[in-house]
Amino acid sequence: MTTDENLARLRAHHNNISRYRRLLRTRLLPLERQFIERRLSDEVAALLSLSASTFPIAFSEPRPGRPLPVAEVMP
């Protein structure tokens, strides 16, 4: 899949997540709420998976108490 297709899929997942969160703020029957919560969970998992495969670069946070690396400046 191309990057453009992946970006379109990421947008679709993001929009679905927003819609499900908006629906959860409304009055729902328990069965409806359960269905939407499951769909929301599926969409979040799909978004995270697609994000990781589309943008595989990961930056690690420095450990607490450890200074950030600083590049030396040439004089």
N, C-alpha and C. Protein backbone atom coordinates (compact mmCIF):
# COMPACT_ATOMS: atom_id res chain seq x y z
N MET A 1 0.83 -1.18 0.00
CA MET A 1 0.00 0.00 0.00
C MET A 1 0.88 1.25 0.00
N THR A 2 0.41 2.26 -0.68
CA THR A 2 1.19 3.49 -0.75
C THR A 2 0.96 4.33 0.52
N THR A 3 1.82 5.29 0.68
CA THR A 3 1.70 6.17 1.84
C THR A 3 0.39 6.94 1.81
N ASP A 4 -0.03 7.36 0.62
CA ASP A 4 -1.31 8.08 0.51
C ASP A 4 -2.48 7.22 0.95
N GLU A 5 -2.45 5.95 0.56
CA GLU A 5 -3.52 5.03 0.96
C GLU A 5 -3.51 4.82 2.48
N ASN A 6 -2.31 4.68 3.02
CA ASN A 6 -2.20 4.52 4.48
C ASN A 6 -2.69 5.75 5.22
N LEU A 7 -2.36 6.93 4.70
CA LEU A 7 -2.83 8.16 5.34
C LEU A 7 -4.35 8.26 5.28
N ALA A 8 -4.93 7.84 4.16
CA ALA A 8 -6.39 7.85 4.04
C ALA A 8 -7.01 6.87 5.04
N ARG A 9 -6.40 5.71 5.20
CA ARG A 9 -6.91 4.74 6.17
C ARG A 9 -6.75 5.26 7.60
N LEU A 10 -5.63 5.94 7.89
CA LEU A 10 -5.44 6.53 9.22
C LEU A 10 -6.52 7.56 9.50
N ARG A 11 -6.82 8.40 8.52
CA ARG A 11 -7.88 9.40 8.67
C ARG A 11 -9.23 8.74 8.94
N ALA A 12 -9.51 7.66 8.20
CA ALA A 12 -10.79 6.95 8.37
C ALA A 12 -10.89 6.37 9.79
N HIS A 13 -9.80 5.76 10.27
CA HIS A 13 -9.82 5.22 11.63
C HIS A 13 -10.01 6.34 12.65
N HIS A 14 -9.31 7.45 12.44
CA HIS A 14 -9.42 8.59 13.36
C HIS A 14 -10.86 9.11 13.38
N ASN A 15 -11.47 9.23 12.21
CA ASN A 15 -12.86 9.71 12.14
C ASN A 15 -13.81 8.73 12.82
N ASN A 16 -13.59 7.44 12.62
CA ASN A 16 -14.44 6.44 13.28
C ASN A 16 -14.30 6.51 14.79
N ILE A 17 -13.08 6.69 15.28
CA ILE A 17 -12.84 6.80 16.72
C ILE A 17 -13.58 8.01 17.27
N SER A 18 -13.49 9.13 16.57
CA SER A 18 -14.20 10.34 17.01
C SER A 18 -15.71 10.10 17.05
N ARG A 19 -16.23 9.46 16.01
CA ARG A 19 -17.67 9.19 15.96
C ARG A 19 -18.10 8.27 17.11
N TYR A 20 -17.33 7.21 17.37
CA TYR A 20 -17.70 6.29 18.46
C TYR A 20 -17.62 6.99 19.82
N ARG A 21 -16.62 7.84 20.02
CA ARG A 21 -16.53 8.57 21.29
C ARG A 21 -17.70 9.52 21.46
N ARG A 22 -18.10 10.15 20.36
CA ARG A 22 -19.26 11.04 20.40
C ARG A 22 -20.53 10.25 20.72
N LEU A 23 -20.68 9.09 20.13
CA LEU A 23 -21.85 8.24 20.42
C LEU A 23 -21.89 7.79 21.88
N LEU A 24 -20.72 7.52 22.45
CA LEU A 24 -20.67 7.08 23.84
C LEU A 24 -21.12 8.17 24.81
N ARG A 25 -21.12 9.41 24.37
CA ARG A 25 -21.59 10.51 25.23
C ARG A 25 -23.11 10.65 25.19
N THR A 26 -23.78 9.82 24.40
CA THR A 26 -25.24 9.89 24.30
C THR A 26 -25.87 8.80 25.15
N ARG A 27 -27.19 8.84 25.25
CA ARG A 27 -27.92 7.80 26.00
C ARG A 27 -28.03 6.56 25.12
N LEU A 28 -27.53 5.45 25.62
CA LEU A 28 -27.54 4.20 24.86
C LEU A 28 -28.04 3.06 25.73
N LEU A 29 -28.60 2.07 25.08
CA LEU A 29 -28.93 0.83 25.78
C LEU A 29 -27.62 0.11 26.09
N PRO A 30 -27.61 -0.71 27.14
CA PRO A 30 -26.37 -1.42 27.49
C PRO A 30 -25.78 -2.21 26.32
N LEU A 31 -26.61 -2.86 25.55
CA LEU A 31 -26.12 -3.64 24.41
C LEU A 31 -25.50 -2.74 23.35
N GLU A 32 -26.11 -1.58 23.10
CA GLU A 32 -25.56 -0.63 22.14
C GLU A 32 -24.22 -0.10 22.62
N ARG A 33 -24.15 0.25 23.91
CA ARG A 33 -22.90 0.76 24.49
C ARG A 33 -21.79 -0.28 24.37
N GLN A 34 -22.12 -1.53 24.67
CA GLN A 34 -21.14 -2.60 24.60
C GLN A 34 -20.62 -2.75 23.15
N PHE A 35 -21.53 -2.71 22.19
CA PHE A 35 -21.13 -2.83 20.79
C PHE A 35 -20.20 -1.68 20.39
N ILE A 36 -20.56 -0.45 20.76
CA ILE A 36 -19.76 0.71 20.38
C ILE A 36 -18.40 0.69 21.07
N GLU A 37 -18.37 0.28 22.33
CA GLU A 37 -17.09 0.18 23.04
C GLU A 37 -16.17 -0.84 22.37
N ARG A 38 -16.75 -1.95 21.90
CA ARG A 38 -15.96 -2.98 21.21
C ARG A 38 -15.44 -2.43 19.88
N ARG A 39 -16.30 -1.74 19.14
CA ARG A 39 -15.88 -1.16 17.87
C ARG A 39 -14.80 -0.10 18.09
N LEU A 40 -14.95 0.70 19.15
CA LEU A 40 -13.96 1.72 19.46
C LEU A 40 -12.61 1.06 19.75
N SER A 41 -12.63 0.01 20.53
CA SER A 41 -11.40 -0.72 20.84
C SER A 41 -10.76 -1.27 19.58
N ASP A 42 -11.56 -1.83 18.68
CA ASP A 42 -11.05 -2.35 17.41
C ASP A 42 -10.43 -1.25 16.56
N GLU A 43 -11.07 -0.11 16.51
CA GLU A 43 -10.57 1.01 15.70
C GLU A 43 -9.26 1.55 16.27
N VAL A 44 -9.18 1.66 17.60
CA VAL A 44 -7.94 2.15 18.22
C VAL A 44 -6.80 1.18 17.93
N ALA A 45 -7.05 -0.12 18.05
CA ALA A 45 -6.02 -1.12 17.76
C ALA A 45 -5.58 -1.04 16.31
N ALA A 46 -6.53 -0.89 15.40
CA ALA A 46 -6.20 -0.79 13.98
C ALA A 46 -5.40 0.47 13.70
N LEU A 47 -5.78 1.57 14.33
CA LEU A 47 -5.05 2.83 14.15
C LEU A 47 -3.62 2.70 14.64
N LEU A 48 -3.43 2.13 15.81
CA LEU A 48 -2.08 1.97 16.36
C LEU A 48 -1.23 1.06 15.49
N SER A 49 -1.82 -0.02 15.02
CA SER A 49 -1.09 -0.97 14.17
C SER A 49 -0.69 -0.32 12.86
N LEU A 50 -1.63 0.37 12.23
CA LEU A 50 -1.33 1.03 10.96
C LEU A 50 -0.33 2.16 11.15
N SER A 51 -0.42 2.88 12.25
CA SER A 51 0.53 3.95 12.54
C SER A 51 1.95 3.39 12.67
N ALA A 52 2.06 2.28 13.38
CA ALA A 52 3.38 1.67 13.59
C ALA A 52 3.98 1.18 12.27
N SER A 53 3.14 0.65 11.39
CA SER A 53 3.68 0.14 10.12
C SER A 53 3.93 1.28 9.12
N THR A 54 3.17 2.35 9.21
CA THR A 54 3.34 3.48 8.29
C THR A 54 4.52 4.35 8.71
N PHE A 55 4.67 4.54 10.01
CA PHE A 55 5.75 5.37 10.55
C PHE A 55 6.57 4.53 11.52
N PRO A 56 7.47 3.69 11.01
CA PRO A 56 8.18 2.74 11.87
C PRO A 56 9.27 3.35 12.76
N ILE A 57 9.57 4.62 12.58
CA ILE A 57 10.61 5.24 13.40
C ILE A 57 10.07 5.48 14.80
N ALA A 58 10.82 5.03 15.79
CA ALA A 58 10.41 5.24 17.19
C ALA A 58 11.54 5.94 17.93
N PHE A 59 11.17 6.85 18.75
CA PHE A 59 12.13 7.55 19.58
C PHE A 59 11.93 7.11 21.02
N SER A 60 13.02 6.80 21.68
CA SER A 60 12.89 6.39 23.07
C SER A 60 13.10 7.58 23.98
N GLU A 61 12.35 7.58 25.06
CA GLU A 61 12.49 8.65 26.04
C GLU A 61 13.71 8.36 26.91
N PRO A 62 14.40 9.41 27.33
CA PRO A 62 15.51 9.19 28.25
C PRO A 62 14.98 8.71 29.59
N ARG A 63 15.76 7.91 30.24
CA ARG A 63 15.34 7.43 31.56
C ARG A 63 15.36 8.58 32.57
N PRO A 64 14.49 8.52 33.58
CA PRO A 64 14.47 9.58 34.59
C PRO A 64 15.84 9.72 35.26
N GLY A 65 16.23 10.96 35.46
CA GLY A 65 17.51 11.23 36.13
C GLY A 65 18.69 11.19 35.19
N ARG A 66 18.45 10.88 33.95
CA ARG A 66 19.53 10.81 32.98
C ARG A 66 19.42 12.03 32.06
N PRO A 67 20.50 12.79 31.86
CA PRO A 67 20.40 14.00 31.04
C PRO A 67 20.18 13.66 29.57
N LEU A 68 19.58 14.60 28.86
CA LEU A 68 19.37 14.44 27.43
C LEU A 68 20.72 14.53 26.71
N PRO A 69 20.91 13.76 25.66
CA PRO A 69 22.17 13.87 24.91
C PRO A 69 22.25 15.24 24.23
N VAL A 70 23.42 15.81 24.22
CA VAL A 70 23.63 17.12 23.60
C VAL A 70 24.71 16.99 22.56
N ALA A 71 24.41 17.45 21.37
CA ALA A 71 25.41 17.41 20.30
C ALA A 71 26.49 18.44 20.58
N GLU A 72 27.73 18.05 20.31
CA GLU A 72 28.83 18.99 20.50
C GLU A 72 28.84 19.97 19.34
N VAL A 73 29.12 21.21 19.66
CA VAL A 73 29.16 22.26 18.64
C VAL A 73 30.60 22.47 18.24
N MET A 74 30.83 22.48 16.93
CA MET A 74 32.18 22.69 16.41
C MET A 74 32.51 24.17 16.54
N PRO A 75 33.73 24.51 17.03
CA PRO A 75 34.10 25.93 17.15
C PRO A 75 34.38 26.60 15.83
